[in-house]
């Protein structure tokens, strides 16, 4: 890795949640959607 490389990350969040009735990524987690929360937290690293 060169001195100018930035770290990369991948957030895996998928699958139709048949019991919940909507995709898992869009389920509420606190006051935000699960996927949005994951991306926000990863962006802090």
N, C-alpha and C. Protein backbone atom coordinates (compact mmCIF):
# COMPACT_ATOMS: atom_id res chain seq x y z
N UNK A 1 0.84 -1.16 0.00
CA UNK A 1 0.00 0.00 0.00
C UNK A 1 0.90 1.24 0.00
N UNK A 2 0.63 2.17 -0.88
CA UNK A 2 1.43 3.39 -0.94
C UNK A 2 0.99 4.36 0.15
N UNK A 3 1.77 5.40 0.33
CA UNK A 3 1.48 6.40 1.37
C UNK A 3 0.18 7.15 1.09
N UNK A 4 -0.30 7.10 -0.15
CA UNK A 4 -1.50 7.84 -0.53
C UNK A 4 -2.75 6.97 -0.62
N UNK A 5 -2.63 5.72 -0.30
CA UNK A 5 -3.78 4.83 -0.37
C UNK A 5 -4.73 5.08 0.80
N UNK A 6 -6.00 4.99 0.51
CA UNK A 6 -7.01 5.12 1.54
C UNK A 6 -7.57 3.75 1.88
N UNK A 7 -7.91 3.52 3.12
CA UNK A 7 -8.52 2.23 3.47
C UNK A 7 -9.89 2.11 2.80
N UNK A 8 -10.26 0.90 2.50
CA UNK A 8 -11.55 0.63 1.88
C UNK A 8 -12.34 -0.30 2.77
N UNK A 9 -13.63 -0.22 2.66
CA UNK A 9 -14.48 -1.15 3.41
C UNK A 9 -15.71 -1.47 2.58
N UNK A 10 -16.28 -2.60 2.88
CA UNK A 10 -17.49 -3.06 2.21
C UNK A 10 -18.50 -3.40 3.29
N UNK A 11 -19.69 -2.86 3.16
CA UNK A 11 -20.76 -3.17 4.11
C UNK A 11 -21.69 -4.16 3.43
N UNK A 12 -21.71 -5.38 3.95
CA UNK A 12 -22.59 -6.41 3.40
C UNK A 12 -23.90 -6.39 4.16
N UNK A 13 -24.93 -6.04 3.48
CA UNK A 13 -26.23 -5.94 4.13
C UNK A 13 -27.29 -6.24 3.08
N UNK A 14 -27.78 -7.44 3.08
CA UNK A 14 -28.74 -7.79 2.06
C UNK A 14 -29.66 -8.89 2.50
N UNK A 15 -30.57 -9.20 1.67
CA UNK A 15 -31.51 -10.27 1.94
C UNK A 15 -32.89 -9.76 2.26
N UNK A 16 -33.87 -10.39 1.69
CA UNK A 16 -35.26 -10.05 1.97
C UNK A 16 -35.64 -10.69 3.29
N UNK A 17 -36.07 -9.93 4.20
CA UNK A 17 -36.47 -10.44 5.51
C UNK A 17 -37.96 -10.77 5.46
N UNK A 18 -38.27 -12.02 5.20
CA UNK A 18 -39.68 -12.40 5.04
C UNK A 18 -40.48 -12.22 6.32
N UNK A 19 -39.87 -12.39 7.47
CA UNK A 19 -40.59 -12.20 8.73
C UNK A 19 -40.82 -10.72 9.04
N UNK A 20 -39.91 -9.87 8.60
CA UNK A 20 -40.03 -8.44 8.88
C UNK A 20 -40.83 -7.71 7.80
N UNK A 21 -40.93 -8.30 6.61
CA UNK A 21 -41.73 -7.71 5.55
C UNK A 21 -41.03 -6.67 4.69
N UNK A 22 -39.75 -6.45 4.90
CA UNK A 22 -38.99 -5.51 4.08
C UNK A 22 -37.51 -5.88 4.16
N UNK A 23 -36.70 -5.36 3.24
CA UNK A 23 -35.27 -5.70 3.26
C UNK A 23 -34.61 -5.33 4.59
N UNK A 24 -33.70 -6.17 5.02
CA UNK A 24 -33.02 -5.97 6.31
C UNK A 24 -32.27 -4.64 6.36
N UNK A 25 -31.73 -4.21 5.25
CA UNK A 25 -30.96 -2.96 5.23
C UNK A 25 -31.79 -1.76 5.65
N UNK A 26 -33.09 -1.82 5.42
CA UNK A 26 -33.96 -0.67 5.70
C UNK A 26 -34.67 -0.77 7.04
N UNK A 27 -34.37 -1.80 7.82
CA UNK A 27 -35.01 -1.92 9.14
C UNK A 27 -34.51 -0.83 10.07
N UNK A 28 -35.37 -0.35 10.96
CA UNK A 28 -34.95 0.69 11.89
C UNK A 28 -33.95 0.15 12.92
N UNK A 29 -32.99 0.97 13.24
CA UNK A 29 -32.00 0.65 14.27
C UNK A 29 -31.79 1.94 15.04
N UNK A 30 -32.41 2.05 16.19
CA UNK A 30 -32.40 3.32 16.90
C UNK A 30 -33.22 4.32 16.12
N UNK A 31 -32.64 5.47 15.84
CA UNK A 31 -33.37 6.50 15.11
C UNK A 31 -32.98 6.58 13.63
N UNK A 32 -32.33 5.54 13.11
CA UNK A 32 -31.95 5.54 11.70
C UNK A 32 -32.06 4.14 11.12
N UNK A 33 -31.95 4.04 9.80
CA UNK A 33 -32.01 2.73 9.16
C UNK A 33 -30.68 2.00 9.37
N UNK A 34 -30.78 0.67 9.42
CA UNK A 34 -29.61 -0.16 9.72
C UNK A 34 -28.44 0.12 8.78
N UNK A 35 -28.69 0.13 7.47
CA UNK A 35 -27.61 0.34 6.51
C UNK A 35 -27.00 1.73 6.67
N UNK A 36 -27.82 2.74 6.84
CA UNK A 36 -27.29 4.10 7.03
C UNK A 36 -26.41 4.18 8.27
N UNK A 37 -26.81 3.50 9.32
CA UNK A 37 -26.01 3.50 10.55
C UNK A 37 -24.66 2.83 10.32
N UNK A 38 -24.67 1.69 9.63
CA UNK A 38 -23.41 0.98 9.34
C UNK A 38 -22.47 1.85 8.53
N UNK A 39 -22.98 2.48 7.49
CA UNK A 39 -22.14 3.32 6.64
C UNK A 39 -21.62 4.52 7.42
N UNK A 40 -22.45 5.11 8.25
CA UNK A 40 -22.02 6.26 9.05
C UNK A 40 -20.90 5.86 10.00
N UNK A 41 -21.05 4.72 10.67
CA UNK A 41 -20.03 4.28 11.62
C UNK A 41 -18.72 3.90 10.92
N UNK A 42 -18.81 3.26 9.77
CA UNK A 42 -17.60 2.89 9.03
C UNK A 42 -16.88 4.15 8.55
N UNK A 43 -17.63 5.17 8.20
CA UNK A 43 -16.99 6.41 7.70
C UNK A 43 -16.21 7.13 8.79
N UNK A 44 -16.44 6.80 10.05
CA UNK A 44 -15.71 7.43 11.15
C UNK A 44 -14.32 6.83 11.35
N UNK A 45 -14.09 5.66 10.76
CA UNK A 45 -12.82 4.96 10.96
C UNK A 45 -11.76 5.49 10.02
